[in-house]
Amino acid sequence: MKIGAVFPQLEIGADPKVVRDWATTVEDAGYSHVLAYDHVLGADPSNRPGWSGYTDKSLFHEVFVLFGYLAAITTELELVTGVLVLPQRQTALVAKQAAEVDVLSSGRLRLGVGIGWNHVEYQALGVPFKQRGALLEEQVDVLRKLWADPVISYKGKYHEIEEAGLNPLPGRQIPIWFGGSADAVLRRTGRIGDGWMPQSAPDEKAREQIATIREAAEAAGRDPQSVGIEARLTLGAVPEQDWRSFADGWRDLGATHLCVNTMNMGLSQPAEHAQILRDVLPRLHG
């Protein structure tokens, strides 16, 4: 099981030196990948009673720009979106950005995608919130076709491309993983996904969800073992004495990857995130 680190978006700040120091520390410590969350806009909660999501005070680095920077200062780390809110972004532009990051990083991008939850963000980006699930599946098809051939034509419900293509091409199919726990997400992952990104404990429910994915993969004529699983260990939400058993639990369920999240631990300095990641990695390896 490969172990990665969650980029501490909300607590690392905007100093590029701090971001660089965190990334190089994580790579030197032996982590296999970095996973970054995605949000474009935060909602001002002042006139939104009961708002419980991210706000305008939540700092989010734009993932493709961030990965372009990380591609230049690291050599081995896989760069993972966890997850990119794909339906609120223009598909051909995502294909272009992803291809560029993959080229500049020498093939180190993994694209985790999901439908998101923030209707304020969708409204601001001009995308109907209710169509996001159906849109996402067609987007994945378009992305893969654009990455595969120099010139394509495509006519779907949401996309129309006439004899056009990307340059440069990534030279491979960038892996597309899905985030989410709804039954539709699990079955979509089995049918067309390269992997699944749960955020839960390695319990019986997780075992049943994995079974759903593998059943859908078999029904689609795919090898169910070819679908990866990336779990997330949020250190601040799991008692320290259970960190290793959490990792082992997902390992036993067949997880191929696990990422470690250091946010919401009450850390006062960005450097503390890197220090904790350096210290915890040896305790998680099997």
C-alpha atoms as a PDB file:
ATOM      1  CA  MET A   1       0.000   0.000   0.000  1.00  0.00           C
ATOM      2  CA  LYS A   2       1.452   3.349  -1.076  1.00  0.00           C
ATOM      3  CA  ILE A   3       1.254   6.129   1.498  1.00  0.00           C
ATOM      4  CA  GLY A   4       0.836   9.782   0.550  1.00  0.00           C
ATOM      5  CA  ALA A   5       0.311  13.111   2.290  1.00  0.00           C
ATOM      6  CA  VAL A   6      -2.622  15.491   2.078  1.00  0.00           C
ATOM      7  CA  PHE A   7      -1.466  18.991   1.151  1.00  0.00           C
ATOM      8  CA  PRO A   8      -2.648  21.094   4.146  1.00  0.00           C
ATOM      9  CA  GLN A   9      -4.496  23.620   1.990  1.00  0.00           C
ATOM     10  CA  LEU A  10      -6.362  25.376   4.759  1.00  0.00           C
ATOM     11  CA  GLU A  11      -3.412  25.811   7.129  1.00  0.00           C
ATOM     12  CA  ILE A  12      -0.246  26.181   5.052  1.00  0.00           C
ATOM     13  CA  GLY A  13      -0.756  29.752   3.826  1.00  0.00           C
ATOM     14  CA  ALA A  14       0.390  31.346   0.583  1.00  0.00           C
ATOM     15  CA  ASP A  15       4.158  31.693   1.065  1.00  0.00           C
ATOM     16  CA  PRO A  16       5.768  29.775  -1.840  1.00  0.00           C
ATOM     17  CA  LYS A  17       8.853  28.981   0.257  1.00  0.00           C
ATOM     18  CA  VAL A  18       6.687  27.294   2.900  1.00  0.00           C
ATOM     19  CA  VAL A  19       4.915  25.276   0.192  1.00  0.00           C
ATOM     20  CA  ARG A  20       8.275  24.257  -1.288  1.00  0.00           C
ATOM     21  CA  ASP A  21       9.718  23.268   2.087  1.00  0.00           C
ATOM     22  CA  TRP A  22       6.646  21.163   2.872  1.00  0.00           C
ATOM     23  CA  ALA A  23       6.789  19.357  -0.487  1.00  0.00           C
ATOM     24  CA  THR A  24      10.503  18.601  -0.340  1.00  0.00           C
ATOM     25  CA  THR A  25      10.223  17.384   3.258  1.00  0.00           C
ATOM     26  CA  VAL A  26       7.369  15.047   2.305  1.00  0.00           C
ATOM     27  CA  GLU A  27       9.291  13.684  -0.672  1.00  0.00           C
ATOM     28  CA  ASP A  28      12.513  13.245   1.321  1.00  0.00           C
ATOM     29  CA  ALA A  29      10.561  11.449   4.084  1.00  0.00           C
ATOM     30  CA  GLY A  30       9.521   8.771   1.598  1.00  0.00           C
ATOM     31  CA  TYR A  31       5.882   9.537   0.826  1.00  0.00           C
ATOM     32  CA  SER A  32       4.772   8.326  -2.586  1.00  0.00           C
ATOM     33  CA  HIS A  33       2.300  11.061  -3.443  1.00  0.00           C
ATOM     34  CA  VAL A  34       0.696  14.382  -2.517  1.00  0.00           C
ATOM     35  CA  LEU A  35      -3.077  14.815  -2.557  1.00  0.00           C
ATOM     36  CA  ALA A  36      -4.684  18.269  -2.825  1.00  0.00           C
ATOM     37  CA  TYR A  37      -8.300  19.328  -2.353  1.00  0.00           C
ATOM     38  CA  ASP A  38     -10.043  21.579  -4.884  1.00  0.00           C
ATOM     39  CA  HIS A  39     -12.299  24.581  -4.458  1.00  0.00           C
ATOM     40  CA  VAL A  40     -12.383  27.695  -6.625  1.00  0.00           C
ATOM     41  CA  LEU A  41     -14.542  29.985  -4.476  1.00  0.00           C
ATOM     42  CA  GLY A  42     -15.553  30.190  -0.843  1.00  0.00           C
ATOM     43  CA  ALA A  43     -18.959  31.472   0.198  1.00  0.00           C
ATOM     44  CA  ASP A  44     -19.321  34.423   2.580  1.00  0.00           C
ATOM     45  CA  PRO A  45     -21.496  33.015   5.406  1.00  0.00           C
ATOM     46  CA  SER A  46     -22.602  36.431   6.691  1.00  0.00           C
ATOM     47  CA  ASN A  47     -26.012  36.259   4.984  1.00  0.00           C
ATOM     48  CA  ARG A  48     -26.243  32.459   4.782  1.00  0.00           C
ATOM     49  CA  PRO A  49     -27.655  31.230   8.117  1.00  0.00           C
ATOM     50  CA  GLY A  50     -26.594  27.686   8.899  1.00  0.00           C
ATOM     51  CA  TRP A  51     -23.770  27.618   6.347  1.00  0.00           C
ATOM     52  CA  SER A  52     -21.384  24.822   7.350  1.00  0.00           C
ATOM     53  CA  GLY A  53     -19.041  24.484   4.394  1.00  0.00           C
ATOM     54  CA  TYR A  54     -15.840  26.250   3.433  1.00  0.00           C
ATOM     55  CA  THR A  55     -16.013  30.039   3.443  1.00  0.00           C
ATOM     56  CA  ASP A  56     -14.293  33.005   1.832  1.00  0.00           C
ATOM     57  CA  LYS A  57     -11.709  32.742   4.636  1.00  0.00           C
ATOM     58  CA  SER A  58     -10.721  29.186   3.561  1.00  0.00           C
ATOM     59  CA  LEU A  59      -7.472  29.321   1.598  1.00  0.00           C
ATOM     60  CA  PHE A  60      -7.331  26.992  -1.415  1.00  0.00           C
ATOM     61  CA  HIS A  61      -4.455  26.939  -3.881  1.00  0.00           C
ATOM     62  CA  GLU A  62      -5.676  26.222  -7.415  1.00  0.00           C
ATOM     63  CA  VAL A  63      -4.702  22.603  -7.974  1.00  0.00           C
ATOM     64  CA  PHE A  64      -3.308  22.701 -11.507  1.00  0.00           C
ATOM     65  CA  VAL A  65      -1.205  25.795 -10.839  1.00  0.00           C
ATOM     66  CA  LEU A  66      -0.052  24.253  -7.560  1.00  0.00           C
ATOM     67  CA  PHE A  67       0.903  21.027  -9.323  1.00  0.00           C
ATOM     68  CA  GLY A  68       2.822  22.920 -11.980  1.00  0.00           C
ATOM     69  CA  TYR A  69       4.863  24.427  -9.155  1.00  0.00           C
ATOM     70  CA  LEU A  70       5.295  21.097  -7.357  1.00  0.00           C
ATOM     71  CA  ALA A  71       6.286  19.394 -10.602  1.00  0.00           C
ATOM     72  CA  ALA A  72       9.294  21.707 -10.804  1.00  0.00           C
ATOM     73  CA  ILE A  73      10.505  21.233  -7.222  1.00  0.00           C
ATOM     74  CA  THR A  74       9.955  17.484  -6.771  1.00  0.00           C
ATOM     75  CA  THR A  75      11.126  14.500  -8.791  1.00  0.00           C
ATOM     76  CA  GLU A  76       9.230  11.424  -7.548  1.00  0.00           C
ATOM     77  CA  LEU A  77       5.998  12.485  -5.845  1.00  0.00           C
ATOM     78  CA  GLU A  78       2.799  11.569  -7.653  1.00  0.00           C
ATOM     79  CA  LEU A  79       0.475  14.586  -7.831  1.00  0.00           C
ATOM     80  CA  VAL A  80      -3.136  13.715  -6.990  1.00  0.00           C
ATOM     81  CA  THR A  81      -6.330  15.784  -6.969  1.00  0.00           C
ATOM     82  CA  GLY A  82      -8.585  14.588  -4.181  1.00  0.00           C
ATOM     83  CA  VAL A  83     -10.952  15.585  -5.633  1.00  0.00           C
ATOM     84  CA  LEU A  84     -11.240  18.015  -8.521  1.00  0.00           C
ATOM     85  CA  VAL A  85     -14.858  19.198  -8.765  1.00  0.00           C
ATOM     86  CA  LEU A  86     -14.995  18.296 -12.425  1.00  0.00           C
ATOM     87  CA  PRO A  87     -18.541  19.325 -13.486  1.00  0.00           C
ATOM     88  CA  GLN A  88     -17.995  22.959 -12.521  1.00  0.00           C
ATOM     89  CA  ARG A  89     -14.967  23.162 -14.855  1.00  0.00           C
ATOM     90  CA  GLN A  90     -14.872  23.312 -18.649  1.00  0.00           C
ATOM     91  CA  THR A  91     -13.904  19.853 -19.869  1.00  0.00           C
ATOM     92  CA  ALA A  92     -11.516  20.653 -22.713  1.00  0.00           C
ATOM     93  CA  LEU A  93      -9.683  23.106 -20.481  1.00  0.00           C
ATOM     94  CA  VAL A  94      -9.306  20.449 -17.753  1.00  0.00           C
ATOM     95  CA  ALA A  95      -7.982  18.066 -20.401  1.00  0.00           C
ATOM     96  CA  LYS A  96      -5.431  20.679 -21.451  1.00  0.00           C
ATOM     97  CA  GLN A  97      -4.381  21.566 -17.895  1.00  0.00           C
ATOM     98  CA  ALA A  98      -4.100  17.935 -16.838  1.00  0.00           C
ATOM     99  CA  ALA A  99      -2.101  17.032 -19.931  1.00  0.00           C
ATOM    100  CA  GLU A 100       0.274  19.931 -19.294  1.00  0.00           C
ATOM    101  CA  VAL A 101       0.853  18.968 -15.656  1.00  0.00           C
ATOM    102  CA  ASP A 102       1.413  15.363 -16.685  1.00  0.00           C
ATOM    103  CA  VAL A 103       3.939  16.369 -19.355  1.00  0.00           C
ATOM    104  CA  LEU A 104       5.836  18.765 -17.065  1.00  0.00           C
ATOM    105  CA  SER A 105       5.916  16.244 -14.217  1.00  0.00           C
ATOM    106  CA  SER A 106       7.018  13.348 -16.466  1.00  0.00           C
ATOM    107  CA  GLY A 107       3.784  11.411 -15.977  1.00  0.00           C
ATOM    108  CA  ARG A 108       3.098  11.987 -12.286  1.00  0.00           C
ATOM    109  CA  LEU A 109      -0.520  13.198 -12.345  1.00  0.00           C
ATOM    110  CA  ARG A 110      -3.474  11.212 -11.004  1.00  0.00           C
ATOM    111  CA  LEU A 111      -6.840  12.922 -11.472  1.00  0.00           C
ATOM    112  CA  GLY A 112      -9.316  12.305  -8.672  1.00  0.00           C
ATOM    113  CA  VAL A 113     -12.714  13.785  -9.573  1.00  0.00           C
ATOM    114  CA  GLY A 114     -16.104  14.260  -7.951  1.00  0.00           C
ATOM    115  CA  ILE A 115     -19.331  16.212  -8.280  1.00  0.00           C
ATOM    116  CA  GLY A 116     -18.894  18.485  -5.245  1.00  0.00           C
ATOM    117  CA  TRP A 117     -21.549  19.958  -2.982  1.00  0.00           C
ATOM    118  CA  ASN A 118     -21.168  23.762  -3.101  1.00  0.00           C
ATOM    119  CA  HIS A 119     -24.073  25.229  -5.080  1.00  0.00           C
ATOM    120  CA  VAL A 120     -22.674  28.745  -4.555  1.00  0.00           C
ATOM    121  CA  GLU A 121     -19.530  27.777  -6.413  1.00  0.00           C
ATOM    122  CA  TYR A 122     -21.499  26.183  -9.259  1.00  0.00           C
ATOM    123  CA  GLN A 123     -23.645  29.302  -9.612  1.00  0.00           C
ATOM    124  CA  ALA A 124     -20.623  31.569  -9.794  1.00  0.00           C
ATOM    125  CA  LEU A 125     -18.958  29.350 -12.407  1.00  0.00           C
ATOM    126  CA  GLY A 126     -22.092  29.233 -14.543  1.00  0.00           C
ATOM    127  CA  VAL A 127     -22.871  25.497 -14.324  1.00  0.00           C
ATOM    128  CA  PRO A 128     -26.320  24.074 -13.406  1.00  0.00           C
ATOM    129  CA  PHE A 129     -25.966  22.323 -10.047  1.00  0.00           C
ATOM    130  CA  LYS A 130     -28.561  19.610 -10.692  1.00  0.00           C
ATOM    131  CA  GLN A 131     -26.941  18.233 -13.843  1.00  0.00           C
ATOM    132  CA  ARG A 132     -23.518  17.658 -12.286  1.00  0.00           C
ATOM    133  CA  GLY A 133     -23.728  13.863 -11.943  1.00  0.00           C
ATOM    134  CA  ALA A 134     -24.760  13.198 -15.534  1.00  0.00           C
ATOM    135  CA  LEU A 135     -22.280  15.768 -16.792  1.00  0.00           C
ATOM    136  CA  LEU A 136     -19.359  14.162 -14.957  1.00  0.00           C
ATOM    137  CA  GLU A 137     -19.689  10.808 -16.682  1.00  0.00           C
ATOM    138  CA  GLU A 138     -19.652  12.374 -20.138  1.00  0.00           C
ATOM    139  CA  GLN A 139     -16.718  14.556 -19.118  1.00  0.00           C
ATOM    140  CA  VAL A 140     -14.631  11.477 -18.282  1.00  0.00           C
ATOM    141  CA  ASP A 141     -15.332  10.085 -21.750  1.00  0.00           C
ATOM    142  CA  VAL A 142     -14.316  13.373 -23.376  1.00  0.00           C
ATOM    143  CA  LEU A 143     -11.136  13.650 -21.303  1.00  0.00           C
ATOM    144  CA  ARG A 144      -9.993  10.175 -22.289  1.00  0.00           C
ATOM    145  CA  LYS A 145     -10.680  10.750 -25.960  1.00  0.00           C
ATOM    146  CA  LEU A 146      -8.813  14.064 -25.953  1.00  0.00           C
ATOM    147  CA  TRP A 147      -5.796  12.443 -24.255  1.00  0.00           C
ATOM    148  CA  ALA A 148      -5.792   9.498 -26.672  1.00  0.00           C
ATOM    149  CA  ASP A 149      -5.765  11.082 -30.133  1.00  0.00           C
ATOM    150  CA  PRO A 150      -4.264  14.222 -31.703  1.00  0.00           C
ATOM    151  CA  VAL A 151      -7.613  15.178 -33.277  1.00  0.00           C
ATOM    152  CA  ILE A 152     -11.095  14.088 -32.257  1.00  0.00           C
ATOM    153  CA  SER A 153     -14.725  14.776 -33.095  1.00  0.00           C
ATOM    154  CA  TYR A 154     -17.306  14.312 -30.360  1.00  0.00           C
ATOM    155  CA  LYS A 155     -21.023  14.955 -30.066  1.00  0.00           C
ATOM    156  CA  GLY A 156     -22.716  14.187 -26.764  1.00  0.00           C
ATOM    157  CA  LYS A 157     -25.446  15.651 -24.588  1.00  0.00           C
ATOM    158  CA  TYR A 158     -23.135  18.288 -23.076  1.00  0.00           C
ATOM    159  CA  HIS A 159     -20.141  18.442 -25.420  1.00  0.00           C
ATOM    160  CA  GLU A 160     -19.496  19.038 -29.089  1.00  0.00           C
ATOM    161  CA  ILE A 161     -15.988  18.983 -30.544  1.00  0.00           C
ATOM    162  CA  GLU A 162     -15.348  19.093 -34.274  1.00  0.00           C
ATOM    163  CA  GLU A 163     -11.946  17.980 -35.539  1.00  0.00           C
ATOM    164  CA  ALA A 164      -9.826  19.484 -32.770  1.00  0.00           C
ATOM    165  CA  GLY A 165      -7.240  18.232 -30.309  1.00  0.00           C
ATOM    166  CA  LEU A 166      -4.665  18.906 -27.615  1.00  0.00           C
ATOM    167  CA  ASN A 167      -0.990  19.612 -28.129  1.00  0.00           C
ATOM    168  CA  PRO A 168       1.017  18.477 -26.228  1.00  0.00           C
ATOM    169  CA  LEU A 169      -0.654  15.184 -25.485  1.00  0.00           C
ATOM    170  CA  PRO A 170       0.171  13.429 -22.218  1.00  0.00           C
ATOM    171  CA  GLY A 171       1.358  10.308 -24.019  1.00  0.00           C
ATOM    172  CA  ARG A 172      -0.815   8.067 -21.820  1.00  0.00           C
ATOM    173  CA  GLN A 173      -4.249   7.839 -20.260  1.00  0.00           C
ATOM    174  CA  ILE A 174      -4.023   9.892 -17.056  1.00  0.00           C
ATOM    175  CA  PRO A 175      -5.655   7.793 -14.298  1.00  0.00           C
ATOM    176  CA  ILE A 176      -9.108   9.021 -13.275  1.00  0.00           C
ATOM    177  CA  TRP A 177     -10.308   8.109  -9.779  1.00  0.00           C
ATOM    178  CA  PHE A 178     -13.679   8.917  -8.227  1.00  0.00           C
ATOM    179  CA  GLY A 179     -14.490  10.383  -4.842  1.00  0.00           C
ATOM    180  CA  GLY A 180     -17.818   9.870  -3.076  1.00  0.00           C
ATOM    181  CA  SER A 181     -19.768   7.141  -1.349  1.00  0.00           C
ATOM    182  CA  ALA A 182     -23.175   7.125  -3.062  1.00  0.00           C
ATOM    183  CA  ASP A 183     -24.164   3.889  -4.748  1.00  0.00           C
ATOM    184  CA  ALA A 184     -24.098   5.612  -8.147  1.00  0.00           C
ATOM    185  CA  VAL A 185     -20.482   6.663  -7.520  1.00  0.00           C
ATOM    186  CA  LEU A 186     -19.461   3.147  -6.509  1.00  0.00           C
ATOM    187  CA  ARG A 187     -21.010   1.605  -9.602  1.00  0.00           C
ATOM    188  CA  ARG A 188     -19.549   4.293 -11.844  1.00  0.00           C
ATOM    189  CA  THR A 189     -16.140   3.579 -10.347  1.00  0.00           C
ATOM    190  CA  GLY A 190     -16.494  -0.107 -11.124  1.00  0.00           C
ATOM    191  CA  ARG A 191     -17.641   0.546 -14.686  1.00  0.00           C
ATOM    192  CA  ILE A 192     -15.210   3.250 -15.795  1.00  0.00           C
ATOM    193  CA  GLY A 193     -12.961   4.389 -12.924  1.00  0.00           C
ATOM    194  CA  ASP A 194      -9.314   3.660 -12.319  1.00  0.00           C
ATOM    195  CA  GLY A 195      -9.833   3.947  -8.570  1.00  0.00           C
ATOM    196  CA  TRP A 196     -11.987   5.030  -5.623  1.00  0.00           C
ATOM    197  CA  MET A 197     -11.224   7.561  -2.870  1.00  0.00           C
ATOM    198  CA  PRO A 198     -13.215   6.826   0.308  1.00  0.00           C
ATOM    199  CA  GLN A 199     -12.989   8.986   3.441  1.00  0.00           C
ATOM    200  CA  SER A 200     -14.346   6.486   5.940  1.00  0.00           C
ATOM    201  CA  ALA A 201     -13.091   3.906   8.390  1.00  0.00           C
ATOM    202  CA  PRO A 202     -12.112   0.400   7.245  1.00  0.00           C
ATOM    203  CA  ASP A 203     -15.310  -1.149   8.552  1.00  0.00           C
ATOM    204  CA  GLU A 204     -17.996  -3.507   7.305  1.00  0.00           C
ATOM    205  CA  LYS A 205     -19.692  -0.746   5.333  1.00  0.00           C
ATOM    206  CA  ALA A 206     -16.432  -0.085   3.495  1.00  0.00           C
ATOM    207  CA  ARG A 207     -16.144  -3.798   2.750  1.00  0.00           C
ATOM    208  CA  GLU A 208     -19.653  -3.754   1.241  1.00  0.00           C
ATOM    209  CA  GLN A 209     -18.838  -0.653  -0.823  1.00  0.00           C
ATOM    210  CA  ILE A 210     -15.730  -2.305  -2.229  1.00  0.00           C
ATOM    211  CA  ALA A 211     -17.817  -5.355  -3.099  1.00  0.00           C
ATOM    212  CA  THR A 212     -20.240  -3.098  -5.002  1.00  0.00           C
ATOM    213  CA  ILE A 213     -17.357  -1.607  -6.986  1.00  0.00           C
ATOM    214  CA  ARG A 214     -15.930  -5.017  -7.829  1.00  0.00           C
ATOM    215  CA  GLU A 215     -19.315  -6.385  -8.856  1.00  0.00           C
ATOM    216  CA  ALA A 216     -19.806  -3.411 -11.199  1.00  0.00           C
ATOM    217  CA  ALA A 217     -16.320  -3.921 -12.634  1.00  0.00           C
ATOM    218  CA  GLU A 218     -17.012  -7.592 -13.329  1.00  0.00           C
ATOM    219  CA  ALA A 219     -20.347  -6.731 -14.958  1.00  0.00           C
ATOM    220  CA  ALA A 220     -18.500  -4.294 -17.219  1.00  0.00           C
ATOM    221  CA  GLY A 221     -16.002  -6.965 -18.216  1.00  0.00           C
ATOM    222  CA  ARG A 222     -13.166  -5.444 -16.245  1.00  0.00           C
ATOM    223  CA  ASP A 223     -10.709  -6.967 -13.795  1.00  0.00           C
ATOM    224  CA  PRO A 224     -12.053  -5.840 -10.385  1.00  0.00           C
ATOM    225  CA  GLN A 225      -8.548  -5.948  -8.923  1.00  0.00           C
ATOM    226  CA  SER A 226      -7.445  -3.301 -11.426  1.00  0.00           C
ATOM    227  CA  VAL A 227      -9.545  -0.661  -9.610  1.00  0.00           C
ATOM    228  CA  GLY A 228      -7.404   1.066  -6.987  1.00  0.00           C
ATOM    229  CA  ILE A 229      -8.552   2.240  -3.559  1.00  0.00           C
ATOM    230  CA  GLU A 230      -7.128   5.283  -1.759  1.00  0.00           C
ATOM    231  CA  ALA A 231      -8.220   5.654   1.867  1.00  0.00           C
ATOM    232  CA  ARG A 232      -7.674   8.774   3.981  1.00  0.00           C
ATOM    233  CA  LEU A 233      -6.352   8.810   7.537  1.00  0.00           C
ATOM    234  CA  THR A 234      -7.221  12.103   9.213  1.00  0.00           C
ATOM    235  CA  LEU A 235      -4.895  12.125  12.198  1.00  0.00           C
ATOM    236  CA  GLY A 236      -6.972  14.636  14.166  1.00  0.00           C
ATOM    237  CA  ALA A 237     -10.102  12.460  13.915  1.00  0.00           C
ATOM    238  CA  VAL A 238      -8.538   9.095  14.798  1.00  0.00           C
ATOM    239  CA  PRO A 239      -6.939   8.454  18.230  1.00  0.00           C
ATOM    240  CA  GLU A 240      -3.171   8.223  17.925  1.00  0.00           C
ATOM    241  CA  GLN A 241      -3.064   4.686  19.266  1.00  0.00           C
ATOM    242  CA  ASP A 242      -5.359   3.637  16.388  1.00  0.00           C
ATOM    243  CA  TRP A 243      -3.407   5.161  13.493  1.00  0.00           C
ATOM    244  CA  ARG A 244      -1.577   1.947  12.657  1.00  0.00           C
ATOM    245  CA  SER A 245      -4.677  -0.237  12.984  1.00  0.00           C
ATOM    246  CA  PHE A 246      -6.595   2.174  10.708  1.00  0.00           C
ATOM    247  CA  ALA A 247      -3.912   1.772   8.037  1.00  0.00           C
ATOM    248  CA  ASP A 248      -3.779  -1.987   8.555  1.00  0.00           C
ATOM    249  CA  GLY A 249      -7.560  -2.199   8.298  1.00  0.00           C
ATOM    250  CA  TRP A 250      -7.551  -0.589   4.877  1.00  0.00           C
ATOM    251  CA  ARG A 251      -4.564  -2.694   3.866  1.00  0.00           C
ATOM    252  CA  ASP A 252      -6.558  -5.806   4.747  1.00  0.00           C
ATOM    253  CA  LEU A 253      -9.506  -4.569   2.658  1.00  0.00           C
ATOM    254  CA  GLY A 254      -7.251  -4.323  -0.380  1.00  0.00           C
ATOM    255  CA  ALA A 255      -6.470  -0.597  -0.411  1.00  0.00           C
ATOM    256  CA  THR A 256      -3.674   0.247  -2.806  1.00  0.00           C
ATOM    257  CA  HIS A 257      -3.071   3.741  -1.399  1.00  0.00           C
ATOM    258  CA  LEU A 258      -3.594   5.703   1.820  1.00  0.00           C
ATOM    259  CA  CYS A 259      -3.086   9.429   2.365  1.00  0.00           C
ATOM    260  CA  VAL A 260      -2.404  11.133   5.691  1.00  0.00           C
ATOM    261  CA  ASN A 261      -4.203  14.362   6.603  1.00  0.00           C
ATOM    262  CA  THR A 262      -2.631  16.624   9.253  1.00  0.00           C
ATOM    263  CA  MET A 263      -5.218  19.425   9.174  1.00  0.00           C
ATOM    264  CA  ASN A 264      -7.496  20.152  12.159  1.00  0.00           C
ATOM    265  CA  MET A 265      -4.891  19.012  14.684  1.00  0.00           C
ATOM    266  CA  GLY A 266      -4.478  22.454  16.231  1.00  0.00           C
ATOM    267  CA  LEU A 267      -1.052  23.003  14.666  1.00  0.00           C
ATOM    268  CA  SER A 268       0.208  26.572  14.963  1.00  0.00           C
ATOM    269  CA  GLN A 269       2.956  26.624  12.320  1.00  0.00           C
ATOM    270  CA  PRO A 270       2.973  25.281   8.732  1.00  0.00           C
ATOM    271  CA  ALA A 271       6.286  23.510   9.386  1.00  0.00           C
ATOM    272  CA  GLU A 272       4.583  21.370  12.030  1.00  0.00           C
ATOM    273  CA  HIS A 273       2.589  19.598   9.318  1.00  0.00           C
ATOM    274  CA  ALA A 274       5.774  18.419   7.640  1.00  0.00           C
ATOM    275  CA  GLN A 275       7.291  17.406  10.976  1.00  0.00           C
ATOM    276  CA  ILE A 276       4.306  15.239  11.904  1.00  0.00           C
ATOM    277  CA  LEU A 277       4.268  13.638   8.475  1.00  0.00           C
ATOM    278  CA  ARG A 278       7.963  12.827   8.774  1.00  0.00           C
ATOM    279  CA  ASP A 279       7.417  11.226  12.193  1.00  0.00           C
ATOM    280  CA  VAL A 280       4.276   9.226  11.435  1.00  0.00           C
ATOM    281  CA  LEU A 281       5.248   7.510   8.186  1.00  0.00           C
ATOM    282  CA  PRO A 282       7.372   4.711   9.712  1.00  0.00           C
ATOM    283  CA  ARG A 283       4.470   3.819  12.022  1.00  0.00           C
ATOM    284  CA  LEU A 284       2.075   3.211   9.133  1.00  0.00           C
ATOM    285  CA  HIS A 285       4.132   0.909   6.957  1.00  0.00           C
ATOM    286  CA  GLY A 286       3.258  -2.771   7.044  1.00  0.00           C
END
